[in-house]
Protein backbone atom coordinates (compact mmCIF):
# COMPACT_ATOMS: atom_id res chain seq x y z
CA MET A 1 -0.76 13.34 7.82
CA ASP A 2 -1.44 14.76 4.35
CA GLU A 3 2.28 14.74 3.62
CA VAL A 4 5.28 12.81 4.92
CA GLU A 5 8.87 12.96 3.74
CA THR A 6 11.40 10.16 3.88
CA GLU A 7 14.99 10.22 2.75
CA ARG A 8 14.09 9.67 -0.92
CA LEU A 9 10.31 10.00 -1.12
CA LEU A 10 7.66 12.63 -0.75
CA LEU A 11 4.46 10.88 0.33
CA ARG A 12 1.49 13.13 -0.17
CA ARG A 13 -2.27 13.00 -0.43
CA LEU A 14 -3.43 11.68 -3.79
CA GLN A 15 -4.83 14.29 -6.19
CA ARG A 16 -6.95 14.15 -9.32
CA SER A 17 -3.96 15.48 -11.23
CA ASP A 18 -2.20 12.16 -10.44
CA ARG A 19 -4.60 10.31 -12.74
CA ASP A 20 -2.48 10.16 -15.89
CA ALA A 21 0.70 9.06 -14.09
CA LEU A 22 -1.23 6.44 -12.10
CA ALA A 23 -2.96 5.18 -15.26
CA ARG A 24 0.43 4.68 -16.97
CA ILE A 25 1.76 2.77 -13.96
CA PHE A 26 -1.40 0.75 -13.29
CA ALA A 27 -1.62 -0.32 -16.95
CA LYS A 28 1.55 -2.37 -16.51
CA PRO A 29 0.58 -6.02 -15.89
CA GLU A 30 3.26 -6.47 -13.22
CA VAL A 31 1.74 -3.80 -11.00
CA TRP A 32 -1.60 -5.60 -10.54
CA TRP A 33 -0.45 -9.14 -11.36
CA TRP A 34 -1.29 -10.04 -7.76
CA PRO A 35 -4.30 -10.48 -7.64
CA PHE A 36 -5.65 -9.62 -11.13
CA GLU A 37 -2.96 -11.08 -13.41
CA ARG A 38 -3.23 -8.06 -15.72
CA GLY A 39 -2.82 -4.31 -15.84
CA TRP A 40 -5.71 -1.99 -15.10
CA THR A 41 -7.83 -0.02 -17.51
CA THR A 42 -8.10 3.74 -17.26
CA ASP A 43 -11.64 3.30 -15.89
CA GLU A 44 -10.32 1.06 -13.11
CA THR A 45 -7.64 3.62 -12.28
CA ASP A 46 -10.27 6.38 -12.22
CA ALA A 47 -12.44 4.36 -9.82
CA PHE A 48 -9.44 3.65 -7.58
CA LEU A 49 -8.48 7.31 -7.48
CA GLU A 50 -12.04 8.40 -6.69
CA ARG A 51 -12.20 5.86 -3.81
CA LYS A 52 -8.93 7.14 -2.39
CA LEU A 53 -9.97 10.80 -2.67
CA HIS A 54 -13.22 9.91 -0.89
CA GLU A 55 -11.30 8.10 1.87
CA TRP A 56 -9.09 11.16 2.38
CA ASP A 57 -12.16 13.39 2.61
CA GLU A 58 -14.11 11.06 4.91
CA ARG A 59 -11.37 9.63 7.14
CA GLY A 60 -8.56 12.14 6.84
CA TRP A 61 -6.05 9.47 5.73
CA SER A 62 -5.50 6.81 3.09
CA GLN A 63 -2.71 5.80 0.74
CA TRP A 64 -0.31 8.49 -0.40
CA ALA A 65 1.06 9.25 -3.83
CA ALA A 66 4.72 8.20 -3.74
CA ILE A 67 6.89 10.85 -5.39
CA GLU A 68 10.57 10.24 -5.96
CA LYS A 69 12.32 13.33 -4.59
CA HIS A 70 15.10 13.12 -7.16
CA GLY A 71 13.30 14.06 -10.35
CA GLY A 72 9.82 14.51 -8.87
CA ALA A 73 8.19 11.54 -10.63
CA LEU A 74 5.10 9.88 -9.22
CA ILE A 75 6.16 6.22 -8.87
CA GLY A 76 3.00 4.70 -7.36
CA PHE A 77 1.33 4.70 -3.98
CA VAL A 78 2.02 3.55 -0.45
CA GLY A 79 0.05 3.89 2.76
CA LEU A 80 -2.71 2.67 4.99
CA CYS A 81 -6.23 1.39 4.35
CA PRO A 82 -8.64 -0.94 6.19
CA PRO A 83 -8.63 -4.34 4.39
CA ARG A 84 -12.40 -4.73 4.24
CA PHE A 85 -12.04 -7.42 1.56
CA LEU A 86 -10.86 -9.78 4.34
CA PRO A 87 -13.44 -9.56 7.17
CA GLU A 88 -11.67 -12.11 9.35
CA VAL A 89 -8.86 -9.64 10.16
CA MET A 90 -11.12 -6.66 10.84
CA PRO A 91 -11.03 -4.28 12.57
CA THR A 92 -7.50 -3.43 11.54
CA VAL A 93 -5.56 -1.35 9.04
CA GLU A 94 -3.30 -2.63 6.27
CA VAL A 95 -0.07 -1.11 5.02
CA GLY A 96 0.36 -1.60 1.29
CA TRP A 97 2.11 -0.35 -1.82
CA ARG A 98 1.97 -0.48 -5.61
CA LEU A 99 5.01 0.92 -7.37
CA ASP A 100 6.09 1.29 -10.97
CA PRO A 101 8.20 -1.77 -11.87
CA ASP A 102 10.89 0.62 -13.13
CA HIS A 103 11.43 1.52 -9.46
CA TRP A 104 11.33 -1.97 -7.94
CA GLY A 105 14.38 -3.24 -6.11
CA HIS A 106 15.48 0.16 -4.78
CA GLY A 107 13.96 -0.09 -1.30
CA TYR A 108 11.14 2.38 -1.95
CA ALA A 109 8.40 0.01 -0.72
CA THR A 110 10.29 -0.57 2.53
CA GLU A 111 11.03 3.14 2.96
CA GLY A 112 7.44 4.18 2.28
CA GLY A 113 6.04 1.28 4.29
CA ARG A 114 8.11 2.28 7.31
CA ALA A 115 6.79 5.84 7.06
CA ALA A 116 3.24 4.49 6.88
CA LEU A 117 3.81 2.34 9.97
CA GLU A 118 5.23 5.33 11.85
CA SER A 119 2.20 7.42 10.94
CA GLY A 120 -0.20 4.62 11.80
CA PHE A 121 1.29 4.04 15.22
CA ASN A 122 2.43 7.56 16.18
CA VAL A 123 -0.25 9.74 14.54
CA LEU A 124 -3.33 7.50 14.32
CA GLY A 125 -2.55 5.57 17.51
CA LEU A 126 -3.24 2.18 15.94
CA PRO A 127 -2.45 -0.85 18.15
CA GLU A 128 -1.55 -3.08 15.18
CA ILE A 129 -1.12 -2.97 11.42
CA VAL A 130 -1.31 -5.87 8.97
CA SER A 131 -0.14 -6.46 5.44
CA ILE A 132 -1.67 -9.08 3.15
CA TYR A 133 -0.24 -10.74 0.07
CA GLN A 134 -0.56 -13.79 -2.15
CA PRO A 135 2.28 -16.20 -1.29
CA GLY A 136 3.53 -16.17 -4.87
CA ASN A 137 4.32 -12.47 -4.50
CA VAL A 138 7.58 -13.20 -2.72
CA ALA A 139 8.94 -9.65 -3.04
CA SER A 140 6.03 -8.16 -1.05
CA GLY A 141 6.51 -10.77 1.65
CA LYS A 142 10.17 -9.79 1.93
CA VAL A 143 9.24 -6.12 2.32
CA MET A 144 6.90 -7.06 5.16
CA GLN A 145 9.70 -8.96 6.88
CA ARG A 146 12.10 -6.01 6.45
CA LEU A 147 9.45 -3.84 8.12
CA GLY A 148 9.58 -6.13 11.16
CA MET A 149 6.22 -7.73 10.48
CA THR A 150 5.68 -11.38 11.36
CA HIS A 151 3.46 -14.09 9.96
CA ASP A 152 -0.01 -13.99 11.52
CA ARG A 153 -2.00 -16.47 9.43
CA ASP A 154 -2.63 -18.09 6.09
CA THR A 155 -6.15 -17.81 4.75
CA THR A 156 -8.18 -17.64 1.56
CA HIS A 157 -9.67 -14.60 -0.14
CA PRO A 158 -13.42 -14.92 0.54
CA GLU A 159 -14.48 -13.91 -3.00
CA ARG A 160 -11.57 -14.91 -5.24
CA GLY A 161 -10.65 -18.15 -3.50
CA VAL A 162 -6.90 -17.44 -3.76
CA ALA A 163 -4.44 -18.13 -0.96
CA LEU A 164 -3.47 -15.13 1.17
CA ARG A 165 -0.78 -14.65 3.78
CA VAL A 166 -1.27 -12.10 6.55
CA TYR A 167 1.66 -10.43 8.29
CA LYS A 168 1.21 -8.22 11.37
CA ILE A 169 3.12 -5.85 13.59
CA THR A 170 2.00 -4.28 16.86
CA ILE A 171 2.96 -0.92 18.25
CA ILE A 172 5.04 -2.69 20.90
CA GLN A 173 7.01 -4.60 18.26
CA PHE A 174 7.52 -1.43 16.21
CA CYS A 175 8.83 0.79 18.99
């Protein structure tokens, strides 16, 4: 599961050499507006990348670098990760994405998200997968709906106190 190809994306294991491209993307306020309302510093990007590399080493899977096949540019990440920040939904795995705003509106989140769901269900054998967003992030909610996910619950982030919406899909719904 280190690498998956879709029609327009190469999804591959994150690498340390992705740092500069990720730092450029993550510095854009739109990318991390939900939930931080600002772009990330280089130190925050470094910490993120180190966490993801550790997850790959420990678990054998995590989010992938999303590479646009046409041109070969890294445009963000997409993939699976346990949402430990929200204990009430555990144990489960979340599908998520963060893409460069220059590539929003082209269906890449849906395309990569679908590949992540396929891997989660068909390779990892997961019974269900969730996706979590702040209700103001309407675009992410629409991606979840396009992926066939349905509303599971509304809740509140236990540390930040912000509203969250949880969508879910089971292997039976996906097949």
